[in-house]
């Protein structure tokens, strides 16, 4: 099964750009999420970390702001 896939991939032109594109896309996404978490206020972080515990006590629905 793998040899059929490998044969098709090696016959395609410019196939080597796809792994590089995936790596760049993942790196950009990871950097943006890291930046978002780094810039997040401490109050918001504490609120989000306590959310699962609050839901167990109050039986409330999840509200996403």
N, C-alpha and C. Protein backbone atom coordinates (compact mmCIF):
# COMPACT_ATOMS: atom_id res chain seq x y z
N UNK A 1 0.82 -1.19 0.00
CA UNK A 1 0.00 0.00 0.00
C UNK A 1 0.87 1.26 0.00
N UNK A 2 1.90 1.25 0.82
CA UNK A 2 2.76 2.42 0.92
C UNK A 2 3.53 2.67 -0.37
N UNK A 3 3.89 1.63 -1.08
CA UNK A 3 4.66 1.84 -2.30
C UNK A 3 3.83 2.53 -3.38
N UNK A 4 2.50 2.33 -3.37
CA UNK A 4 1.65 3.03 -4.32
C UNK A 4 1.60 4.52 -4.01
N UNK A 5 1.49 4.84 -2.73
CA UNK A 5 1.47 6.23 -2.31
C UNK A 5 2.82 6.88 -2.58
N UNK A 6 3.88 6.17 -2.23
CA UNK A 6 5.23 6.70 -2.44
C UNK A 6 5.49 6.95 -3.91
N UNK A 7 5.06 6.05 -4.77
CA UNK A 7 5.26 6.23 -6.20
C UNK A 7 4.51 7.46 -6.70
N UNK A 8 3.28 7.66 -6.24
CA UNK A 8 2.51 8.83 -6.68
C UNK A 8 3.12 10.12 -6.17
N UNK A 9 3.62 10.12 -4.96
CA UNK A 9 4.21 11.33 -4.41
C UNK A 9 5.53 11.68 -5.08
N UNK A 10 6.32 10.69 -5.42
CA UNK A 10 7.61 10.98 -6.07
C UNK A 10 7.43 11.43 -7.51
N UNK A 11 6.33 11.08 -8.11
CA UNK A 11 6.10 11.49 -9.50
C UNK A 11 5.52 12.91 -9.60
N UNK A 12 5.07 13.47 -8.50
CA UNK A 12 4.51 14.83 -8.52
C UNK A 12 5.63 15.86 -8.54
N UNK A 13 5.40 16.92 -9.26
CA UNK A 13 6.38 18.00 -9.33
C UNK A 13 6.22 18.93 -8.13
N UNK A 14 7.34 19.41 -7.63
CA UNK A 14 7.38 20.35 -6.51
C UNK A 14 6.66 19.83 -5.26
N UNK A 15 6.75 18.56 -5.00
CA UNK A 15 6.11 17.98 -3.83
C UNK A 15 6.85 18.34 -2.54
N UNK A 16 8.12 18.71 -2.65
CA UNK A 16 8.91 18.99 -1.46
C UNK A 16 8.48 20.28 -0.76
N UNK A 17 7.64 21.08 -1.37
CA UNK A 17 7.20 22.32 -0.76
C UNK A 17 6.13 22.05 0.32
N UNK A 18 5.39 20.97 0.24
CA UNK A 18 4.30 20.71 1.17
C UNK A 18 4.77 20.47 2.61
N UNK A 19 5.80 19.67 2.86
CA UNK A 19 6.27 19.54 4.24
C UNK A 19 6.81 20.86 4.80
N UNK A 20 7.47 21.62 3.97
CA UNK A 20 7.99 22.92 4.41
C UNK A 20 6.84 23.87 4.73
N UNK A 21 5.83 23.89 3.89
CA UNK A 21 4.66 24.72 4.13
C UNK A 21 3.95 24.31 5.41
N UNK A 22 3.83 23.03 5.66
CA UNK A 22 3.19 22.54 6.89
C UNK A 22 3.98 22.96 8.12
N UNK A 23 5.29 22.87 8.06
CA UNK A 23 6.13 23.27 9.18
C UNK A 23 6.01 24.76 9.46
N UNK A 24 6.03 25.57 8.41
CA UNK A 24 5.90 27.02 8.58
C UNK A 24 4.53 27.37 9.14
N UNK A 25 3.48 26.75 8.63
CA UNK A 25 2.13 26.99 9.12
C UNK A 25 2.00 26.61 10.59
N UNK A 26 2.52 25.47 10.98
CA UNK A 26 2.48 25.04 12.37
C UNK A 26 3.27 26.00 13.26
N UNK A 27 4.43 26.43 12.82
CA UNK A 27 5.27 27.33 13.61
C UNK A 27 4.57 28.68 13.81
N UNK A 28 3.96 29.20 12.77
CA UNK A 28 3.23 30.47 12.89
C UNK A 28 2.05 30.33 13.83
N UNK A 29 1.28 29.26 13.71
CA UNK A 29 0.14 29.03 14.59
C UNK A 29 0.59 28.90 16.04
N UNK A 30 1.64 28.12 16.27
CA UNK A 30 2.15 27.92 17.62
C UNK A 30 2.65 29.24 18.21
N UNK A 31 3.33 30.05 17.40
CA UNK A 31 3.83 31.34 17.87
C UNK A 31 2.68 32.29 18.21
N UNK A 32 1.63 32.29 17.40
CA UNK A 32 0.48 33.14 17.67
C UNK A 32 -0.25 32.73 18.95
N UNK A 33 -0.41 31.45 19.16
CA UNK A 33 -1.05 30.97 20.38
C UNK A 33 -0.19 31.30 21.59
N UNK A 34 1.11 31.12 21.46
CA UNK A 34 2.03 31.46 22.55
C UNK A 34 1.98 32.95 22.86
N UNK A 35 1.95 33.78 21.85
CA UNK A 35 1.85 35.22 22.04
C UNK A 35 0.53 35.60 22.71
N UNK A 36 -0.57 34.97 22.29
CA UNK A 36 -1.88 35.24 22.89
C UNK A 36 -1.88 34.88 24.38
N UNK A 37 -1.32 33.74 24.72
CA UNK A 37 -1.28 33.32 26.12
C UNK A 37 -0.35 34.21 26.93
N UNK A 38 0.73 34.63 26.34
CA UNK A 38 1.68 35.49 27.03
C UNK A 38 1.08 36.86 27.33
N UNK A 39 0.28 37.39 26.39
CA UNK A 39 -0.33 38.71 26.55
C UNK A 39 -1.62 38.67 27.36
N UNK A 40 -2.13 37.48 27.66
CA UNK A 40 -3.38 37.35 28.40
C UNK A 40 -3.21 37.88 29.83
N UNK A 41 -4.24 38.55 30.32
CA UNK A 41 -4.16 39.10 31.67
C UNK A 41 -4.21 37.96 32.69
N UNK A 42 -3.68 38.23 33.87
CA UNK A 42 -3.66 37.22 34.93
C UNK A 42 -5.07 36.90 35.41
N UNK A 43 -5.95 37.92 35.40
CA UNK A 43 -7.33 37.69 35.83
C UNK A 43 -8.05 36.74 34.88
N UNK A 44 -7.84 36.95 33.59
CA UNK A 44 -8.47 36.07 32.59
C UNK A 44 -7.92 34.65 32.70
N UNK A 45 -6.64 34.53 32.96
CA UNK A 45 -6.03 33.22 33.13
C UNK A 45 -6.61 32.50 34.35
N UNK A 46 -6.76 33.23 35.44
CA UNK A 46 -7.34 32.63 36.66
C UNK A 46 -8.80 32.25 36.42
N UNK A 47 -9.52 33.08 35.68
CA UNK A 47 -10.92 32.78 35.37
C UNK A 47 -11.05 31.51 34.53
N UNK A 48 -10.20 31.39 33.51
CA UNK A 48 -10.25 30.21 32.65
C UNK A 48 -9.80 28.95 33.39
N UNK A 49 -8.83 29.09 34.28
CA UNK A 49 -8.35 27.90 35.00
C UNK A 49 -9.37 27.42 36.03
N UNK A 50 -10.23 28.31 36.51
CA UNK A 50 -11.23 27.91 37.50
C UNK A 50 -12.55 27.48 36.87
N UNK A 51 -12.70 27.62 35.58
CA UNK A 51 -13.95 27.30 34.90
C UNK A 51 -14.41 25.86 35.11
N UNK A 52 -13.58 24.84 34.95
CA UNK A 52 -14.07 23.48 35.17
C UNK A 52 -14.56 23.26 36.60
N UNK A 53 -13.93 23.88 37.56
CA UNK A 53 -14.36 23.73 38.94
C UNK A 53 -15.67 24.44 39.19
N UNK A 54 -15.88 25.60 38.59
CA UNK A 54 -17.12 26.34 38.74
C UNK A 54 -18.29 25.59 38.14
N UNK A 55 -18.07 24.92 37.01
CA UNK A 55 -19.15 24.20 36.35
C UNK A 55 -19.62 23.01 37.17
N UNK A 56 -18.72 22.37 37.88
CA UNK A 56 -19.10 21.23 38.71
C UNK A 56 -19.96 21.69 39.89
N UNK A 57 -19.65 22.83 40.46
CA UNK A 57 -20.38 23.32 41.62
C UNK A 57 -21.74 23.88 41.25
N UNK A 58 -21.84 24.59 40.16
CA UNK A 58 -23.06 25.32 39.84
C UNK A 58 -23.92 24.65 38.78
N UNK A 59 -23.42 23.64 38.10
CA UNK A 59 -24.13 22.99 36.99
C UNK A 59 -24.58 24.00 35.94
N UNK A 60 -23.72 24.91 35.58
CA UNK A 60 -24.02 25.95 34.60
C UNK A 60 -23.56 25.50 33.21
N UNK A 61 -24.13 26.12 32.21
CA UNK A 61 -23.69 25.88 30.84
C UNK A 61 -22.42 26.69 30.58
N UNK A 62 -21.67 26.25 29.60
CA UNK A 62 -20.44 26.95 29.25
C UNK A 62 -20.80 28.19 28.44
N UNK A 63 -20.29 29.33 28.88
CA UNK A 63 -20.52 30.59 28.18
C UNK A 63 -19.16 31.06 27.66
N UNK A 64 -19.05 31.18 26.35
CA UNK A 64 -17.80 31.64 25.75
C UNK A 64 -17.97 33.10 25.38
N UNK A 65 -17.04 33.90 25.87
CA UNK A 65 -17.14 35.34 25.61
C UNK A 65 -16.38 35.68 24.38
